[in-house]
Amino acid sequence: NGVNTSTIICNIGILYFYRGELQLSEKFLHLSLQIKEEAQGAHHPDTIDSYTNFGYLAVYQGKISEGQLYYNKALDSLIYLSKQSNSSSGQIYLPMILDIKNILKLIS
């Protein structure tokens, strides 16, 4: 299915990142993100992971404003999920929310 395919595509993008082939990495990570957004929506944990992957890549390439955009998308989705969950299960998102807030402070 599309979600499994997007995971494979994401892994290829990460592999290209570690090989230093950033343009290919961006291409594959972007394709993976598109598939996840369409198949699962913006608030699914897999999509949120893709937002953070893409944000990291953008910041690494010096595209700070683009990185901030994707980190903010991840943050907004995590906050949405935490509010939709009951009080105990919503707490699982708190460490990720704090991590992304710290990243955004560092790159601002």
N, C-alpha and C. Protein backbone atom coordinates (compact mmCIF):
# COMPACT_ATOMS: atom_id res chain seq x y z
N ASN A 1 0.83 -1.19 0.00
CA ASN A 1 0.00 0.00 0.00
C ASN A 1 0.87 1.25 0.00
N GLY A 2 0.23 2.40 -0.10
CA GLY A 2 0.96 3.66 -0.21
C GLY A 2 1.79 4.00 1.00
N VAL A 3 1.29 3.65 2.19
CA VAL A 3 2.02 3.99 3.41
C VAL A 3 3.31 3.18 3.49
N ASN A 4 3.25 1.90 3.18
CA ASN A 4 4.47 1.09 3.18
C ASN A 4 5.47 1.60 2.15
N THR A 5 4.95 1.96 1.00
CA THR A 5 5.81 2.51 -0.05
C THR A 5 6.46 3.81 0.42
N SER A 6 5.70 4.65 1.11
CA SER A 6 6.25 5.92 1.57
C SER A 6 7.35 5.70 2.61
N THR A 7 7.24 4.66 3.41
CA THR A 7 8.28 4.34 4.39
C THR A 7 9.57 3.94 3.68
N ILE A 8 9.45 3.13 2.64
CA ILE A 8 10.62 2.73 1.86
C ILE A 8 11.25 3.96 1.19
N ILE A 9 10.40 4.81 0.62
CA ILE A 9 10.89 6.03 -0.04
C ILE A 9 11.60 6.94 0.97
N CYS A 10 11.03 7.05 2.17
CA CYS A 10 11.64 7.86 3.23
C CYS A 10 13.00 7.30 3.60
N ASN A 11 13.09 5.99 3.75
CA ASN A 11 14.37 5.37 4.10
C ASN A 11 15.42 5.60 3.03
N ILE A 12 15.01 5.59 1.77
CA ILE A 12 15.93 5.89 0.67
C ILE A 12 16.40 7.35 0.79
N GLY A 13 15.48 8.25 1.11
CA GLY A 13 15.84 9.66 1.29
C GLY A 13 16.83 9.85 2.42
N ILE A 14 16.65 9.12 3.51
CA ILE A 14 17.58 9.20 4.65
C ILE A 14 18.94 8.64 4.25
N LEU A 15 18.94 7.55 3.51
CA LEU A 15 20.19 6.98 3.03
C LEU A 15 20.95 7.99 2.17
N TYR A 16 20.24 8.66 1.25
CA TYR A 16 20.90 9.68 0.43
C TYR A 16 21.44 10.81 1.29
N PHE A 17 20.71 11.16 2.35
CA PHE A 17 21.19 12.21 3.25
C PHE A 17 22.55 11.81 3.83
N TYR A 18 22.64 10.60 4.35
CA TYR A 18 23.88 10.15 4.97
C TYR A 18 25.01 9.98 3.96
N ARG A 19 24.66 9.81 2.71
CA ARG A 19 25.68 9.73 1.66
C ARG A 19 26.09 11.13 1.18
N GLY A 20 25.40 12.15 1.67
CA GLY A 20 25.73 13.52 1.29
C GLY A 20 25.07 13.97 0.00
N GLU A 21 24.15 13.18 -0.51
CA GLU A 21 23.45 13.52 -1.75
C GLU A 21 22.12 14.20 -1.37
N LEU A 22 22.25 15.47 -1.01
CA LEU A 22 21.14 16.19 -0.40
C LEU A 22 19.98 16.46 -1.35
N GLN A 23 20.26 16.70 -2.62
CA GLN A 23 19.17 16.94 -3.57
C GLN A 23 18.32 15.69 -3.76
N LEU A 24 18.97 14.54 -3.85
CA LEU A 24 18.22 13.28 -3.96
C LEU A 24 17.47 13.00 -2.66
N SER A 25 18.11 13.28 -1.54
CA SER A 25 17.46 13.10 -0.25
C SER A 25 16.18 13.93 -0.18
N GLU A 26 16.28 15.18 -0.57
CA GLU A 26 15.13 16.08 -0.54
C GLU A 26 14.01 15.55 -1.43
N LYS A 27 14.36 15.09 -2.60
CA LYS A 27 13.37 14.56 -3.55
C LYS A 27 12.61 13.38 -2.94
N PHE A 28 13.33 12.44 -2.35
CA PHE A 28 12.68 11.26 -1.80
C PHE A 28 11.90 11.57 -0.52
N LEU A 29 12.46 12.41 0.35
CA LEU A 29 11.74 12.78 1.57
C LEU A 29 10.47 13.55 1.24
N HIS A 30 10.54 14.41 0.24
CA HIS A 30 9.35 15.17 -0.15
C HIS A 30 8.26 14.25 -0.71
N LEU A 31 8.65 13.31 -1.55
CA LEU A 31 7.69 12.35 -2.10
C LEU A 31 7.05 11.53 -0.99
N SER A 32 7.86 11.06 -0.06
CA SER A 32 7.35 10.29 1.08
C SER A 32 6.35 11.12 1.88
N LEU A 33 6.69 12.38 2.13
CA LEU A 33 5.80 13.27 2.87
C LEU A 33 4.47 13.46 2.15
N GLN A 34 4.50 13.66 0.85
CA GLN A 34 3.27 13.82 0.08
C GLN A 34 2.37 12.60 0.21
N ILE A 35 2.95 11.43 0.10
CA ILE A 35 2.16 10.20 0.20
C ILE A 35 1.54 10.07 1.59
N LYS A 36 2.33 10.35 2.62
CA LYS A 36 1.82 10.24 4.00
C LYS A 36 0.72 11.25 4.27
N GLU A 37 0.89 12.48 3.79
CA GLU A 37 -0.15 13.49 4.00
C GLU A 37 -1.46 13.07 3.33
N GLU A 38 -1.36 12.55 2.11
CA GLU A 38 -2.56 12.14 1.39
C GLU A 38 -3.20 10.90 2.00
N ALA A 39 -2.39 9.94 2.42
CA ALA A 39 -2.92 8.67 2.92
C ALA A 39 -3.36 8.73 4.37
N GLN A 40 -2.63 9.51 5.20
CA GLN A 40 -2.89 9.47 6.63
C GLN A 40 -3.28 10.81 7.24
N GLY A 41 -3.06 11.88 6.52
CA GLY A 41 -3.37 13.20 7.05
C GLY A 41 -2.21 13.81 7.81
N ALA A 42 -2.34 15.09 8.09
CA ALA A 42 -1.26 15.86 8.71
C ALA A 42 -1.01 15.48 10.16
N HIS A 43 -2.01 14.91 10.83
CA HIS A 43 -1.87 14.67 12.27
C HIS A 43 -1.50 13.23 12.61
N HIS A 44 -1.10 12.46 11.64
CA HIS A 44 -0.69 11.08 11.92
C HIS A 44 0.78 11.08 12.35
N PRO A 45 1.15 10.24 13.32
CA PRO A 45 2.55 10.23 13.78
C PRO A 45 3.58 9.99 12.66
N ASP A 46 3.26 9.17 11.67
CA ASP A 46 4.20 8.96 10.56
C ASP A 46 4.41 10.24 9.75
N THR A 47 3.34 10.99 9.56
CA THR A 47 3.44 12.26 8.84
C THR A 47 4.26 13.26 9.65
N ILE A 48 4.04 13.26 10.95
CA ILE A 48 4.79 14.16 11.84
C ILE A 48 6.29 13.83 11.76
N ASP A 49 6.62 12.55 11.75
CA ASP A 49 8.02 12.15 11.58
C ASP A 49 8.59 12.69 10.27
N SER A 50 7.79 12.64 9.21
CA SER A 50 8.25 13.17 7.92
C SER A 50 8.45 14.67 7.98
N TYR A 51 7.57 15.38 8.69
CA TYR A 51 7.76 16.82 8.85
C TYR A 51 9.10 17.10 9.53
N THR A 52 9.42 16.35 10.57
CA THR A 52 10.68 16.60 11.28
C THR A 52 11.88 16.20 10.43
N ASN A 53 11.76 15.11 9.67
CA ASN A 53 12.86 14.72 8.76
C ASN A 53 13.12 15.83 7.74
N PHE A 54 12.05 16.33 7.17
CA PHE A 54 12.19 17.36 6.15
C PHE A 54 12.70 18.66 6.78
N GLY A 55 12.24 18.97 7.98
CA GLY A 55 12.72 20.15 8.69
C GLY A 55 14.21 20.07 8.96
N TYR A 56 14.66 18.90 9.40
CA TYR A 56 16.08 18.70 9.68
C TYR A 56 16.91 18.88 8.41
N LEU A 57 16.46 18.26 7.33
CA LEU A 57 17.18 18.38 6.06
C LEU A 57 17.26 19.84 5.62
N ALA A 58 16.15 20.55 5.71
CA ALA A 58 16.13 21.95 5.28
C ALA A 58 17.11 22.80 6.10
N VAL A 59 17.10 22.62 7.41
CA VAL A 59 18.02 23.37 8.28
C VAL A 59 19.46 22.99 7.95
N TYR A 60 19.72 21.73 7.75
CA TYR A 60 21.06 21.26 7.41
C TYR A 60 21.56 21.92 6.12
N GLN A 61 20.64 22.16 5.17
CA GLN A 61 20.99 22.80 3.92
C GLN A 61 21.05 24.32 4.04
N GLY A 62 20.78 24.85 5.21
CA GLY A 62 20.80 26.29 5.41
C GLY A 62 19.49 26.97 5.06
N LYS A 63 18.46 26.20 4.79
CA LYS A 63 17.13 26.74 4.46
C LYS A 63 16.33 26.85 5.76
N ILE A 64 16.74 27.80 6.57
CA ILE A 64 16.20 27.91 7.93
C ILE A 64 14.70 28.15 7.93
N SER A 65 14.21 29.07 7.12
CA SER A 65 12.78 29.37 7.14
C SER A 65 11.95 28.17 6.69
N GLU A 66 12.46 27.41 5.73
CA GLU A 66 11.76 26.20 5.30
C GLU A 66 11.78 25.15 6.42
N GLY A 67 12.90 25.03 7.09
CA GLY A 67 12.99 24.11 8.22
C GLY A 67 12.02 24.49 9.32
N GLN A 68 11.94 25.78 9.61
CA GLN A 68 11.00 26.26 10.63
C GLN A 68 9.56 25.92 10.25
N LEU A 69 9.25 26.07 8.97
CA LEU A 69 7.91 25.75 8.49
C LEU A 69 7.55 24.30 8.81
N TYR A 70 8.45 23.38 8.49
CA TYR A 70 8.16 21.96 8.70
C TYR A 70 8.18 21.58 10.19
N TYR A 71 9.08 22.18 10.95
CA TYR A 71 9.06 21.93 12.39
C TYR A 71 7.78 22.47 13.02
N ASN A 72 7.30 23.62 12.55
CA ASN A 72 6.04 24.16 13.06
C ASN A 72 4.86 23.28 12.68
N LYS A 73 4.88 22.70 11.48
CA LYS A 73 3.82 21.76 11.10
C LYS A 73 3.81 20.56 12.04
N ALA A 74 5.00 20.05 12.34
CA ALA A 74 5.09 18.92 13.27
C ALA A 74 4.57 19.33 14.65
N LEU A 75 4.98 20.50 15.11
CA LEU A 75 4.55 20.98 16.42
C LEU A 75 3.04 21.16 16.47
N ASP A 76 2.46 21.78 15.46
CA ASP A 76 1.01 21.98 15.42
C ASP A 76 0.26 20.65 15.45
N SER A 77 0.77 19.68 14.70
CA SER A 77 0.12 18.37 14.66
C SER A 77 0.24 17.65 16.01
N LEU A 78 1.39 17.76 16.65
CA LEU A 78 1.56 17.13 17.96
C LEU A 78 0.65 17.78 19.00
N ILE A 79 0.53 19.09 18.97
CA ILE A 79 -0.37 19.78 19.90
C ILE A 79 -1.81 19.36 19.64
N TYR A 80 -2.18 19.26 18.38
CA TYR A 80 -3.51 18.80 18.01
C TYR A 80 -3.77 17.40 18.59
N LEU A 81 -2.82 16.48 18.39
CA LEU A 81 -2.98 15.12 18.89
C LEU A 81 -3.08 15.08 20.41
N SER A 82 -2.28 15.89 21.07
CA SER A 82 -2.31 15.89 22.54
C SER A 82 -3.65 16.40 23.06
N LYS A 83 -4.26 17.34 22.36
CA LYS A 83 -5.56 17.87 22.77
C LYS A 83 -6.69 16.90 22.46
N GLN A 84 -6.53 16.09 21.41
CA GLN A 84 -7.56 15.12 21.03
C GLN A 84 -7.55 13.89 21.92
N SER A 85 -6.41 13.63 22.56
CA SER A 85 -6.28 12.46 23.42
C SER A 85 -6.82 12.78 24.80
N ASN A 86 -7.14 11.71 25.56
CA ASN A 86 -7.52 11.97 26.94
C ASN A 86 -6.28 12.41 27.70
N SER A 87 -6.46 12.89 28.90
CA SER A 87 -5.36 13.53 29.62
C SER A 87 -4.14 12.64 29.80
N SER A 88 -4.32 11.34 30.05
CA SER A 88 -3.16 10.49 30.27
C SER A 88 -2.46 10.13 28.97
N SER A 89 -3.19 9.81 27.92
CA SER A 89 -2.53 9.44 26.68
C SER A 89 -1.97 10.65 25.95
N GLY A 90 -2.52 11.80 26.18
CA GLY A 90 -2.00 13.01 25.56
C GLY A 90 -0.62 13.39 26.05
N GLN A 91 -0.25 12.89 27.24
CA GLN A 91 1.05 13.18 27.83
C GLN A 91 2.21 12.58 27.03
N ILE A 92 1.93 11.54 26.23
CA ILE A 92 3.02 10.91 25.47
C ILE A 92 3.62 11.86 24.44
N TYR A 93 2.87 12.87 24.06
CA TYR A 93 3.35 13.81 23.05
C TYR A 93 4.20 14.93 23.65
N LEU A 94 4.14 15.10 24.96
CA LEU A 94 4.83 16.22 25.60
C LEU A 94 6.34 16.25 25.33
N PRO A 95 7.08 15.13 25.46
CA PRO A 95 8.52 15.21 25.16
C PRO A 95 8.82 15.64 23.72
N MET A 96 8.03 15.16 22.77
CA MET A 96 8.25 15.55 21.37
C MET A 96 7.93 17.03 21.17
N ILE A 97 6.87 17.50 21.81
CA ILE A 97 6.51 18.91 21.72
C ILE A 97 7.65 19.78 22.26
N LEU A 98 8.18 19.40 23.42
CA LEU A 98 9.28 20.17 24.02
C LEU A 98 10.53 20.12 23.15
N ASP A 99 10.84 18.95 22.58
CA ASP A 99 12.01 18.84 21.70
C ASP A 99 11.90 19.78 20.51
N ILE A 100 10.74 19.78 19.88
CA ILE A 100 10.57 20.63 18.68
C ILE A 100 10.60 22.11 19.06
N LYS A 101 10.02 22.46 20.20
CA LYS A 101 10.09 23.85 20.66
C LYS A 101 11.55 24.26 20.87
N ASN A 102 12.35 23.37 21.45
CA ASN A 102 13.77 23.66 21.66
C ASN A 102 14.51 23.81 20.33
N ILE A 103 14.21 22.95 19.38
CA ILE A 103 14.84 23.06 18.05
C ILE A 103 14.49 24.40 17.43
N LEU A 104 13.22 24.78 17.51
CA LEU A 104 12.80 26.06 16.93
C LEU A 104 13.51 27.24 17.60
N LYS A 105 13.74 27.16 18.90
CA LYS A 105 14.49 28.23 19.59
C LYS A 105 15.92 28.30 19.07
N LEU A 106 16.52 27.13 18.88
CA LEU A 106 17.90 27.09 18.43
C LEU A 106 18.10 27.65 17.03
N ILE A 107 17.13 27.43 16.16
CA ILE A 107 17.31 27.86 14.76
C ILE A 107 16.71 29.23 14.48
N SER A 108 16.11 29.83 15.48
CA SER A 108 15.50 31.17 15.29
C SER A 108 16.54 32.26 15.37
